[in-house]
Protein backbone atom coordinates (compact mmCIF):
# COMPACT_ATOMS: atom_id res chain seq x y z
CA MET A 1 16.85 74.25 78.48
CA THR A 2 15.14 72.88 75.47
CA ASP A 3 15.48 74.32 72.00
CA ALA A 4 11.95 75.53 71.93
CA ASP A 5 12.98 77.59 75.21
CA ILE A 6 15.85 79.02 73.59
CA ALA A 7 13.81 79.89 70.34
CA ARG A 8 11.21 81.58 72.73
CA TYR A 9 14.02 83.72 74.44
CA ARG A 10 15.42 84.65 71.00
CA SER A 11 12.21 85.55 69.77
CA ALA A 12 11.43 87.94 72.72
CA LEU A 13 14.86 89.51 72.73
CA GLU A 14 14.55 90.14 68.92
CA ASP A 15 11.09 91.69 69.33
CA GLU A 16 12.56 93.92 72.18
CA LEU A 17 15.40 94.90 70.06
CA ALA A 18 13.09 96.03 67.29
CA ARG A 19 10.80 98.04 69.86
CA LEU A 20 13.81 99.80 71.15
CA THR A 21 14.94 100.74 67.40
CA ALA A 22 11.29 102.11 66.88
CA GLU A 23 11.67 104.22 70.13
CA ASP A 24 14.83 105.52 69.14
CA ALA A 25 13.41 106.96 66.10
CA LEU A 26 10.15 108.34 67.85
CA GLY A 27 12.74 109.99 70.73
CA ALA A 28 15.21 111.48 68.05
CA GLU A 29 12.94 114.85 67.92
CA GLY A 30 13.18 115.46 71.83
CA GLN A 31 17.26 115.35 71.36
CA LYS A 32 17.40 118.16 68.93
CA THR A 33 19.30 121.31 69.85
CA VAL A 34 17.49 123.83 71.77
CA THR A 35 17.66 127.07 70.15
CA LEU A 36 18.71 130.43 72.06
CA ASP A 37 16.18 132.76 70.30
CA GLN A 38 14.58 134.69 73.27
CA GLN A 39 11.90 136.05 71.03
CA SER A 40 10.21 132.85 70.13
CA VAL A 41 11.03 131.02 73.20
CA GLY A 42 10.98 132.67 76.84
CA ARG A 43 13.38 131.77 79.58
CA LEU A 44 11.37 129.36 81.52
CA SER A 45 9.99 127.54 78.16
CA ARG A 46 13.63 127.13 77.20
CA MET A 47 14.53 125.60 80.46
CA ASP A 48 11.55 123.17 80.02
CA ALA A 49 13.06 122.59 76.43
CA LEU A 50 16.48 121.91 77.87
CA GLN A 51 15.20 119.67 80.67
CA GLY A 52 13.23 117.60 78.00
CA GLN A 53 16.16 117.15 76.03
CA ALA A 54 18.29 115.96 78.60
CA MET A 55 15.56 113.34 79.70
CA ALA A 56 15.43 112.39 75.91
CA ARG A 57 19.16 111.87 76.04
CA ALA A 58 19.15 109.92 79.19
CA THR A 59 16.31 107.66 77.92
CA GLN A 60 18.49 107.15 74.75
CA ALA A 61 21.43 106.12 76.89
CA ARG A 62 19.25 103.43 78.87
CA ARG A 63 17.86 102.20 75.57
CA GLY A 64 21.64 101.80 74.39
CA ALA A 65 22.36 100.11 77.45
CA ARG A 66 19.47 97.64 77.02
CA ARG A 67 20.46 97.18 73.57
CA SER A 68 23.87 96.00 74.31
CA ARG A 69 22.60 93.70 77.05
CA ILE A 70 20.13 92.09 74.24
CA ALA A 71 22.89 91.83 71.82
CA ALA A 72 25.00 90.05 74.42
CA ALA A 73 22.26 87.50 75.30
CA LEU A 74 21.68 87.01 71.57
CA ALA A 75 25.37 86.23 71.35
CA ARG A 76 25.30 83.70 74.04
CA ILE A 77 22.37 81.99 72.21
CA GLU A 78 24.39 81.88 69.10
CA ALA A 79 27.31 80.58 71.07
CA GLY A 80 25.37 77.90 72.88
CA GLU A 81 26.04 79.71 76.08
CA PHE A 82 22.70 80.89 76.95
CA GLY A 83 21.28 80.07 80.13
CA TYR A 84 24.71 79.31 81.74
CA CYS A 85 26.27 81.85 84.31
CA THR A 86 29.23 83.55 82.60
CA GLU A 87 31.23 83.42 85.94
CA CYS A 88 30.80 79.90 87.22
CA GLY A 89 29.03 78.02 84.24
CA GLU A 90 26.20 76.81 86.14
CA ASP A 91 22.66 77.11 85.09
CA ILE A 92 20.89 80.29 85.54
CA ALA A 93 17.60 79.85 87.38
CA PRO A 94 14.55 79.62 84.75
CA LYS A 95 12.68 82.14 87.04
CA ARG A 96 15.63 84.68 86.67
CA LEU A 97 15.99 84.24 82.97
CA ALA A 98 11.92 84.61 82.92
CA LEU A 99 12.42 87.86 84.76
CA ASP A 100 15.00 89.37 82.41
CA ALA A 101 16.65 86.91 79.73
CA THR A 102 19.56 89.39 79.29
CA VAL A 103 21.17 88.45 82.81
CA PRO A 104 24.45 86.84 82.23
CA THR A 105 25.22 85.39 85.62
CA CYS A 106 23.28 83.16 88.21
CA ILE A 107 22.08 84.61 91.31
CA THR A 108 24.91 83.46 93.48
CA CYS A 109 27.61 85.01 91.35
CA ALA A 110 25.52 88.16 90.81
CA ASN A 111 25.36 88.66 94.57
CA GLY A 112 28.89 87.79 95.27
């Protein structure tokens, strides 16, 4: 893998990390506590609000997991280990990295 390839992956990962951070800020409103005031919100409306809150929290958790994978990939770039399987040390196929630059293992180790 060339230095230009690594720079391209680093840039893409950093861009995705910035996008996730921006989405976190937008999704914060949906995670706020749902009030119990039955006068202002009916039971079904409250259930909808609770469901929306749960979905917002699940989305936040998925973004957090993705953020962790991106951080690990960026750490591998810094360590000079990006593109190599963390299990066996062999090269990760370029097509696999193109699909998801955060994958830590080659296809053989991922399936084994």
